[in-house]
Every structure is written in structure tokens, then in C-alpha cells.
Amino acid sequence: MAFLFKRNPKNPPELIRALNDQLSKLDYTNDPSSYKKYQDESSRYLKQIKNIIYGDDENEPQFDQINQLLSEILITNNLYILTINLNKLDFDSRKDVIIIYSTLLRRNYITGINGNGNGIGGLKSMLSSSSSTTLSQQSPPVVDYLLHKKPEILNILIRGPETPEIGLVCGQILRDCCKFEEINKYIIYNEAFWNFFKYVENPMFEIACDSMMTLNDLLTIHKKIIPDFLVLNYENFMNHINNLIKSNNYVTKRQISKLLKDLVSERSNLQFLQKYCNDYKNLKYTMLLLSEKSKNLQLEGFHLLKYIIANPKRLPKINETLIKNKQNFSEFFKTFDITSFHDSSLIEERNFIIQQIELLPDKNITQ
């Protein structure tokens, strides 16, 4: 008879409207007790939303209820209201918001739903008609919603690391969003994208690491869109990368040099690799990595150097620098213990580099 003591459950539209109402009240009260009340009510409604999505001890999740719920979240702009109020929600409520995003991003509402203008099918049509851009048929309606109806949400998420208490939540949501190529492209061509090179040096270790995870995903997951981005933004991109290679933070330096190595070694980034190898400044920063005490940083420098050395059309200025430092390279490889990395291919690559360096003329007989 426990159900007799439960409050009358709200249907999904009522639940979302009630949540929006409580969230809006958080902005208009200076009374701490009232603020806590509205926060607690918001938390209660978010838990009910989670129960609809996942079910509870007594009820299995119902497909129709979930569809109705998610439709209402988008139609009433509840997703936007939740996002702008993330910092006002308690810790557990923020985790519930992550669940809402994750559910929306996993749902393709076309399946089993008619497009008669009602419900989710109608929502898909309504959102798609707002833009001439053709999205993948596999993209859920929330992708179009985020790109064309409320791109402010993505802008808020991108700047999440600037607010420490929600930085990790925003990072997790943003990485879920950028699994879709259209959103990933929007983010990397957004001016705020470049802030990630600042966020990775955040004094809060968790925020810095989370930002690096997001930066790495943005630049490595969707291999079709990254080559053009890297070529079009080469100077700006490499300035940011090389500034971080100079960082005093070991973790930052290692992660950014590994990201750079992954980008130059990706086959689809051939044009970027060519520009990288023909840029004299990059040889200087590679030599900087080789001079580090850390063997891991030396290894990243080694991986970058091999591409510069293997370039059959090295520019004269790069050749001059290689010749000038021929002795230094030779001394380095005498003490660089490549076997400690337990990778036989590294030995072959090292031998190739040594051979190419030995073929360089001595600096006292050049010109």
C-alpha cells in the first residue's frame, strides 16, 4: 500500500514544465531558504525524469513515456534552461543532466514514429526545416536542435572549464556531443575552440586533464573533417601547440606532444604533415623535446624528428640546422635507450635516422 503515500505522479509534459518553473525561480530569489527549496524541487523532478528513462524498482521504462519526455525537453527548451543553470544545481542533479544529454544523443526518433507533426516525428521535421543544412539520417533531433535552434548551448559547454564546479560535467557532455561529426565541426570552427589550449593549463589538475581529453577527441575522432581544418588553420594551430611544448608542466607537455605526433602520423593528414616538415620552427621544438630529461618526452620528440628527417624535400634552412647539429644528434642517439620501450619498430626507425644523419655533410665542409 506504499503507493497511497506517494504524490500524484506527473506525466512527462507536466514534469518538464514543473522543472522549468523551479529552474527559473533560481534566478529570481536572494533568499537562501527559498533558493534551497527551488534547488531541492529541481533535484526531485530530475530524479523523476531519470526514473522515466531508466525505470525504477517497481516500473520498467516505457518507450512512449520516454519519447514524450524527450520531445518535451526539446520543445520547451528545457535542455537550454538546464544548461544555463548547471552551476546552480547540486552535484547529483548535474549527473542527472548528463543522463538526459546522453539519452537524447543516443535516440534516433524516426524509427517507429510517424512524422505527422505531432510527437517526436513532428519534432524531427520541425527542427530540420529550420536549416537548409542536410544532416545525416542517423543523427538524432537533438543534433539539429543544438546546431540550429540553440547553438548557445554548445557555446556554454565549450566554455565550461572556466567555471570549475561544472567544468567536468560540461566536458563529459561536450565529448558525447562531438561524437557527431556535425557538432565536432561546429566546435573546431568556433572561435572559442582555441580556449582549450588555455584550459589544458588550468591550475586545477582535473580540469586540465579533462580539457585535454576533449581537445584530443575533437582533433582525432572524425578524420574526414580534420585535414582541412589543420591546413586552413596551420599557423594558429602550430603556434598554440608549440607554446604548450614550451610549458613547464610535464603532463601538459607530454600530452600535447603525443597529440601532435598522432596528428602528423595520421594518413589523412598528409597535407598537414608536409607543412609541418617544411616549417623550420618545428625542428627547433622537436630538438627541445629531445633535450628533455624525461625519456617519454624524448620519445615523442624522436617520433616527430623521424618525419622531418625522412622528408625527401627538406628546405635549405632545415638542412642547415640539421648539419649544424649533426654532432649533437649523434651524441644523443648514442645514449638514447630505445630498447627500454619494448618496440622493435623503434629500433629500425632509430637506425634509419642515424643513417640519414651520418649522410649529412660535416658543418666545417659545407659551402
Protein backbone atom coordinates (compact mmCIF):
# COMPACT_ATOMS: atom_id res chain seq x y z
CA MET A 1 0.00 0.00 0.00
CA ALA A 2 3.07 2.23 -0.28
CA PHE A 3 1.59 3.89 -3.34
CA LEU A 4 -1.01 5.59 -1.11
CA PHE A 5 1.73 7.76 0.36
CA LYS A 6 3.24 8.80 -2.96
CA ARG A 7 2.48 12.16 -4.53
CA ASN A 8 0.37 12.05 -7.63
CA PRO A 9 2.90 11.39 -10.40
CA LYS A 10 3.15 13.99 -13.13
CA ASN A 11 3.01 12.98 -16.76
CA PRO A 12 6.12 13.87 -18.82
CA PRO A 13 4.91 17.27 -20.13
CA GLU A 14 3.79 18.31 -16.64
CA LEU A 15 7.10 17.14 -15.19
CA ILE A 16 9.20 19.18 -17.63
CA ARG A 17 7.05 22.28 -17.17
CA ALA A 18 7.33 21.96 -13.38
CA LEU A 19 11.12 21.58 -13.66
CA ASN A 20 11.39 24.65 -15.91
CA ASP A 21 9.35 26.61 -13.40
CA GLN A 22 11.63 25.69 -10.49
CA LEU A 23 14.77 26.42 -12.50
CA SER A 24 13.50 29.86 -13.48
CA LYS A 25 12.84 30.70 -9.82
CA LEU A 26 16.52 30.12 -9.01
CA ASP A 27 17.31 33.31 -10.90
CA TYR A 28 14.85 35.49 -9.04
CA THR A 29 15.44 34.89 -5.36
CA ASN A 30 18.00 36.23 -2.93
CA ASP A 31 16.57 34.32 -0.01
CA PRO A 32 18.84 31.33 0.84
CA SER A 33 15.98 29.20 2.19
CA SER A 34 13.86 29.79 -0.94
CA TYR A 35 16.88 29.10 -3.15
CA LYS A 36 17.47 25.77 -1.40
CA LYS A 37 13.80 24.90 -1.76
CA TYR A 38 13.80 25.54 -5.53
CA GLN A 39 17.09 23.64 -5.87
CA ASP A 40 15.67 20.65 -3.99
CA GLU A 41 12.49 20.68 -6.08
CA SER A 42 14.57 20.76 -9.26
CA SER A 43 16.57 17.82 -7.97
CA ARG A 44 13.39 15.89 -7.20
CA TYR A 45 11.99 16.43 -10.69
CA LEU A 46 15.31 15.43 -12.29
CA LYS A 47 15.25 12.18 -10.34
CA GLN A 48 11.73 11.52 -11.64
CA ILE A 49 12.98 12.16 -15.17
CA LYS A 50 15.80 9.68 -14.60
CA ASN A 51 13.27 7.11 -13.35
CA ILE A 52 11.22 7.51 -16.53
CA ILE A 53 14.35 6.95 -18.63
CA TYR A 54 15.75 4.01 -16.67
CA GLY A 55 12.72 2.75 -14.76
CA ASP A 56 12.74 2.09 -11.02
CA ASP A 57 12.23 -0.80 -8.59
CA GLU A 58 8.55 -1.06 -9.49
CA ASN A 59 8.34 0.06 -13.13
CA GLU A 60 10.16 -0.76 -16.33
CA PRO A 61 10.95 2.17 -18.68
CA GLN A 62 8.13 2.82 -21.13
CA PHE A 63 9.07 3.69 -24.71
CA ASP A 64 6.13 6.07 -25.24
CA GLN A 65 6.78 7.91 -21.99
CA ILE A 66 10.47 8.34 -22.81
CA ASN A 67 9.66 9.69 -26.27
CA GLN A 68 7.11 12.08 -24.83
CA LEU A 69 9.56 13.22 -22.18
CA LEU A 70 12.44 13.86 -24.59
CA SER A 71 10.16 15.62 -27.04
CA GLU A 72 9.02 17.99 -24.29
CA ILE A 73 12.63 18.64 -23.22
CA LEU A 74 13.44 19.98 -26.67
CA ILE A 75 10.15 21.71 -27.47
CA THR A 76 10.16 23.70 -24.19
CA ASN A 77 13.89 24.44 -24.40
CA ASN A 78 14.34 22.60 -21.13
CA LEU A 79 17.78 21.45 -22.31
CA TYR A 80 18.88 25.06 -22.69
CA ILE A 81 17.41 26.05 -19.31
CA LEU A 82 19.18 23.13 -17.63
CA THR A 83 22.49 24.03 -19.24
CA ILE A 84 22.49 27.69 -18.24
CA ASN A 85 21.60 26.67 -14.69
CA LEU A 86 24.13 23.85 -14.30
CA ASN A 87 26.15 25.78 -11.74
CA LYS A 88 23.01 26.28 -9.61
CA LEU A 89 22.18 22.59 -9.40
CA ASP A 90 23.58 20.24 -6.78
CA PHE A 91 26.14 17.56 -7.60
CA ASP A 92 23.67 14.70 -8.13
CA SER A 93 21.40 16.85 -10.29
CA ARG A 94 24.31 17.68 -12.59
CA LYS A 95 24.87 13.95 -13.08
CA ASP A 96 21.18 13.61 -13.96
CA VAL A 97 21.62 16.31 -16.63
CA ILE A 98 24.44 14.22 -18.13
CA ILE A 99 21.97 11.31 -18.32
CA ILE A 100 19.44 13.48 -20.16
CA TYR A 101 22.04 14.57 -22.72
CA SER A 102 23.27 11.02 -23.16
CA THR A 103 19.74 9.72 -23.71
CA LEU A 104 18.91 12.41 -26.24
CA LEU A 105 22.13 11.81 -28.16
CA ARG A 106 21.52 8.04 -28.36
CA ARG A 107 17.95 8.30 -29.61
CA ASN A 108 17.07 8.34 -33.28
CA TYR A 109 13.39 9.16 -33.07
CA ILE A 110 12.49 8.43 -36.68
CA THR A 111 12.25 4.68 -36.03
CA GLY A 112 8.69 3.65 -35.25
CA ILE A 113 7.40 7.24 -35.10
CA ASN A 114 5.28 8.92 -37.79
CA GLY A 115 6.06 12.45 -38.93
CA ASN A 116 2.56 13.87 -38.85
CA GLY A 117 3.58 16.99 -36.96
CA ASN A 118 2.82 15.51 -33.56
CA GLY A 119 5.22 13.99 -31.10
CA ILE A 120 8.85 13.26 -31.87
CA GLY A 121 8.39 12.60 -35.56
CA GLY A 122 6.89 16.05 -35.97
CA LEU A 123 9.67 17.49 -33.87
CA LYS A 124 12.26 15.99 -36.22
CA SER A 125 10.56 17.62 -39.18
CA MET A 126 10.15 20.94 -37.35
CA LEU A 127 13.82 21.12 -36.35
CA SER A 128 15.15 20.01 -39.73
CA SER A 129 13.12 22.64 -41.54
CA SER A 130 14.92 25.36 -39.58
CA SER A 131 18.06 24.93 -41.66
CA SER A 132 18.99 24.14 -45.24
CA THR A 133 21.88 22.01 -43.96
CA THR A 134 21.25 18.31 -44.56
CA LEU A 135 22.20 16.24 -41.55
CA SER A 136 22.81 12.53 -41.55
CA GLN A 137 19.65 10.46 -41.43
CA GLN A 138 21.18 8.74 -38.42
CA SER A 139 21.53 11.95 -36.39
CA PRO A 140 19.02 12.36 -33.55
CA PRO A 141 16.87 15.51 -33.50
CA VAL A 142 18.95 16.92 -30.64
CA VAL A 143 21.90 17.33 -33.03
CA ASP A 144 19.90 19.67 -35.25
CA TYR A 145 18.50 21.36 -32.14
CA LEU A 146 21.98 22.08 -30.81
CA LEU A 147 23.34 23.28 -34.14
CA HIS A 148 20.48 25.39 -35.45
CA LYS A 149 17.96 26.19 -32.76
CA LYS A 150 20.08 26.60 -29.63
CA PRO A 151 23.80 26.75 -30.56
CA GLU A 152 24.19 28.83 -27.39
CA ILE A 153 24.17 25.51 -25.54
CA LEU A 154 27.32 24.37 -27.31
CA ASN A 155 28.96 27.74 -26.64
CA ILE A 156 28.21 27.35 -22.92
CA LEU A 157 29.59 23.82 -22.88
CA ILE A 158 32.77 24.87 -24.70
CA ARG A 159 33.46 27.47 -22.00
CA GLY A 160 32.62 25.05 -19.20
CA PRO A 161 36.23 24.80 -17.89
CA GLU A 162 36.03 28.50 -16.96
CA THR A 163 33.59 27.55 -14.17
CA PRO A 164 35.39 24.94 -12.04
CA GLU A 165 32.31 23.44 -10.35
CA ILE A 166 30.75 22.46 -13.72
CA GLY A 167 33.90 22.07 -15.82
CA LEU A 168 33.98 18.26 -15.67
CA VAL A 169 30.24 17.96 -16.34
CA CYS A 170 30.47 20.24 -19.38
CA GLY A 171 33.49 18.30 -20.62
CA GLN A 172 31.70 14.97 -20.44
CA ILE A 173 28.61 16.33 -22.19
CA LEU A 174 30.69 18.03 -24.88
CA ARG A 175 32.61 14.82 -25.63
CA ASP A 176 29.30 12.99 -26.00
CA CYS A 177 28.09 15.70 -28.38
CA CYS A 178 31.23 15.74 -30.52
CA LYS A 179 30.76 12.06 -31.36
CA PHE A 180 28.56 13.55 -34.09
CA GLU A 181 30.65 14.93 -36.93
CA GLU A 182 28.38 17.93 -37.49
CA ILE A 183 28.78 19.09 -33.90
CA ASN A 184 32.53 18.37 -33.89
CA LYS A 185 32.90 20.58 -36.97
CA TYR A 186 30.88 23.38 -35.38
CA ILE A 187 33.12 23.32 -32.31
CA ILE A 188 36.52 23.33 -34.04
CA TYR A 189 35.48 26.23 -36.28
CA ASN A 190 34.13 28.16 -33.31
CA GLU A 191 36.47 30.91 -32.12
CA ALA A 192 36.08 29.66 -28.55
CA PHE A 193 37.69 26.34 -29.56
CA TRP A 194 41.14 27.92 -29.20
CA ASN A 195 40.47 28.43 -25.49
CA PHE A 196 41.09 24.72 -24.97
CA PHE A 197 44.80 25.37 -25.41
CA LYS A 198 44.48 27.62 -22.37
CA TYR A 199 42.20 25.28 -20.43
CA VAL A 200 44.75 22.43 -20.62
CA GLU A 201 47.00 24.54 -18.40
CA ASN A 202 44.32 25.15 -15.79
CA PRO A 203 45.86 25.02 -12.29
CA MET A 204 43.15 22.53 -11.30
CA PHE A 205 44.59 19.20 -12.45
CA GLU A 206 41.18 17.58 -13.08
CA ILE A 207 40.02 20.46 -15.29
CA ALA A 208 43.31 20.48 -17.22
CA CYS A 209 43.19 16.72 -17.88
CA ASP A 210 39.51 16.82 -18.82
CA SER A 211 40.14 19.67 -21.25
CA MET A 212 42.97 17.71 -22.85
CA MET A 213 40.64 14.73 -23.28
CA THR A 214 38.13 16.97 -25.04
CA LEU A 215 40.79 18.59 -27.23
CA ASN A 216 42.13 15.18 -28.19
CA ASP A 217 38.65 13.89 -29.13
CA LEU A 218 37.86 16.98 -31.18
CA LEU A 219 41.02 16.55 -33.26
CA THR A 220 41.17 12.78 -33.69
CA ILE A 221 37.72 11.17 -33.84
CA HIS A 222 36.35 12.49 -37.15
CA LYS A 223 39.16 12.02 -39.63
CA LYS A 224 37.23 13.45 -42.60
CA ILE A 225 36.92 16.99 -41.27
CA ILE A 226 40.26 17.41 -39.50
CA PRO A 227 42.67 17.57 -42.50
CA ASP A 228 41.04 20.69 -43.95
CA PHE A 229 40.88 22.30 -40.53
CA LEU A 230 44.58 21.71 -39.86
CA VAL A 231 45.66 23.08 -43.23
CA LEU A 232 43.38 26.13 -43.10
CA ASN A 233 44.44 26.98 -39.55
CA TYR A 234 48.02 25.74 -39.70
CA GLU A 235 49.84 28.83 -38.35
CA ASN A 236 47.41 29.44 -35.50
CA PHE A 237 47.27 25.76 -34.61
CA MET A 238 51.04 25.25 -34.53
CA ASN A 239 51.58 28.44 -32.53
CA HIS A 240 49.26 27.06 -29.85
CA ILE A 241 50.86 23.61 -29.96
CA ASN A 242 54.43 24.89 -29.78
CA ASN A 243 53.59 27.23 -26.92
CA LEU A 244 52.44 24.20 -24.94
CA ILE A 245 55.56 22.24 -25.87
CA LYS A 246 57.42 25.01 -24.02
CA SER A 247 55.16 24.56 -20.98
CA ASN A 248 56.77 23.98 -17.59
CA ASN A 249 54.08 21.39 -16.84
CA TYR A 250 55.31 17.89 -17.66
CA VAL A 251 51.83 16.39 -18.11
CA THR A 252 50.74 19.16 -20.47
CA LYS A 253 53.94 18.93 -22.48
CA ARG A 254 53.74 15.18 -22.85
CA GLN A 255 50.05 15.06 -23.76
CA ILE A 256 50.29 17.86 -26.34
CA SER A 257 53.40 16.38 -27.96
CA LYS A 258 51.66 13.00 -28.15
CA LEU A 259 48.61 14.64 -29.75
CA LEU A 260 50.88 16.34 -32.31
CA LYS A 261 52.61 13.04 -33.05
CA ASP A 262 49.24 11.35 -33.57
CA LEU A 263 48.15 14.09 -35.97
CA VAL A 264 51.28 14.06 -38.14
CA SER A 265 51.23 10.24 -38.31
CA GLU A 266 47.59 10.07 -39.43
CA ARG A 267 47.45 9.21 -43.14
CA SER A 268 44.53 11.52 -43.84
CA ASN A 269 46.58 14.49 -42.56
CA LEU A 270 49.20 14.27 -45.32
CA GLN A 271 48.99 17.95 -46.27
CA PHE A 272 49.39 18.94 -42.65
CA LEU A 273 52.42 16.65 -42.36
CA GLN A 274 54.01 18.28 -45.40
CA LYS A 275 53.50 21.76 -43.96
CA TYR A 276 54.81 20.58 -40.60
CA CYS A 277 58.00 19.11 -42.07
CA ASN A 278 58.70 22.25 -44.11
CA ASP A 279 58.35 24.59 -41.14
CA TYR A 280 61.74 25.37 -39.63
CA LYS A 281 60.24 26.29 -36.25
CA ASN A 282 59.01 22.74 -35.74
CA LEU A 283 62.53 21.33 -35.92
CA LYS A 284 63.53 23.70 -33.13
CA TYR A 285 60.70 22.49 -30.88
CA THR A 286 61.45 18.87 -31.75
CA MET A 287 65.04 19.40 -30.63
CA LEU A 288 63.66 20.95 -27.45
CA LEU A 289 61.78 17.70 -26.71
CA LEU A 290 64.90 15.65 -27.41
CA SER A 291 66.82 17.72 -24.87
CA GLU A 292 64.33 16.91 -22.08
CA LYS A 293 65.40 14.67 -19.19
CA SER A 294 62.22 12.61 -19.46
CA LYS A 295 62.59 9.60 -21.77
CA ASN A 296 58.90 9.80 -22.61
CA LEU A 297 59.28 13.35 -23.88
CA GLN A 298 62.41 12.34 -25.76
CA LEU A 299 60.40 9.55 -27.41
CA GLU A 300 57.73 12.00 -28.60
CA GLY A 301 60.49 14.23 -29.98
CA PHE A 302 62.01 11.19 -31.69
CA HIS A 303 58.70 10.36 -33.39
CA LEU A 304 58.41 13.93 -34.70
CA LEU A 305 62.06 14.11 -35.81
CA LYS A 306 61.77 10.98 -37.95
CA TYR A 307 59.20 12.70 -40.19
CA ILE A 308 61.38 15.76 -40.64
CA ILE A 309 64.45 13.61 -41.38
CA ALA A 310 62.53 11.37 -43.80
CA ASN A 311 61.25 14.33 -45.82
CA PRO A 312 62.94 13.96 -49.24
CA LYS A 313 62.41 17.67 -49.99
CA ARG A 314 63.81 19.29 -46.89
CA LEU A 315 64.16 23.05 -47.14
CA PRO A 316 67.70 24.50 -47.12
CA LYS A 317 67.19 26.17 -43.74
CA ILE A 318 66.16 22.84 -42.18
CA ASN A 319 69.16 21.11 -43.73
CA GLU A 320 71.44 23.81 -42.39
CA THR A 321 70.13 23.28 -38.88
CA LEU A 322 70.47 19.50 -39.15
CA ILE A 323 74.06 19.85 -40.37
CA LYS A 324 74.88 22.37 -37.66
CA ASN A 325 73.60 19.94 -35.01
CA LYS A 326 74.87 16.73 -36.61
CA GLN A 327 77.27 16.05 -33.78
CA ASN A 328 74.61 16.74 -31.15
CA PHE A 329 72.22 14.28 -32.81
CA SER A 330 74.94 11.64 -32.99
CA GLU A 331 75.72 12.05 -29.30
CA PHE A 332 72.05 11.91 -28.39
CA PHE A 333 71.42 8.62 -30.16
CA LYS A 334 74.44 7.04 -28.50
CA THR A 335 72.71 7.36 -25.13
CA PHE A 336 69.04 7.13 -26.19
CA ASP A 337 67.99 3.68 -24.95
CA ILE A 338 65.28 2.80 -27.41
CA THR A 339 65.09 -0.82 -26.20
CA SER A 340 63.52 0.27 -22.91
CA PHE A 341 60.26 0.97 -24.81
CA HIS A 342 59.98 -2.68 -25.92
CA ASP A 343 59.04 -1.86 -29.52
CA SER A 344 61.15 -3.46 -32.24
CA SER A 345 59.92 -0.97 -34.87
CA LEU A 346 61.53 1.85 -32.89
CA ILE A 347 64.96 0.26 -33.36
CA GLU A 348 64.51 0.24 -37.13
CA GLU A 349 63.35 3.84 -37.10
CA ARG A 350 66.26 4.90 -34.90
CA ASN A 351 68.75 3.17 -37.21
CA PHE A 352 67.19 4.93 -40.19
CA ILE A 353 67.52 8.34 -38.53
CA ILE A 354 71.14 7.65 -37.55
CA GLN A 355 71.90 6.61 -41.10
CA GLN A 356 70.33 9.77 -42.53
CA ILE A 357 72.20 11.95 -40.05
CA GLU A 358 75.51 10.28 -40.93
CA LEU A 359 74.87 11.08 -44.59
CA LEU A 360 74.75 14.79 -43.79
CA PRO A 361 77.96 16.69 -44.59
CA ASP A 362 80.02 17.98 -41.68
CA LYS A 363 79.39 21.63 -40.94
CA ASN A 364 83.04 22.61 -41.43
CA ILE A 365 82.99 21.48 -45.06
CA THR A 366 79.59 22.88 -46.09
CA GLN A 367 79.51 25.66 -48.63
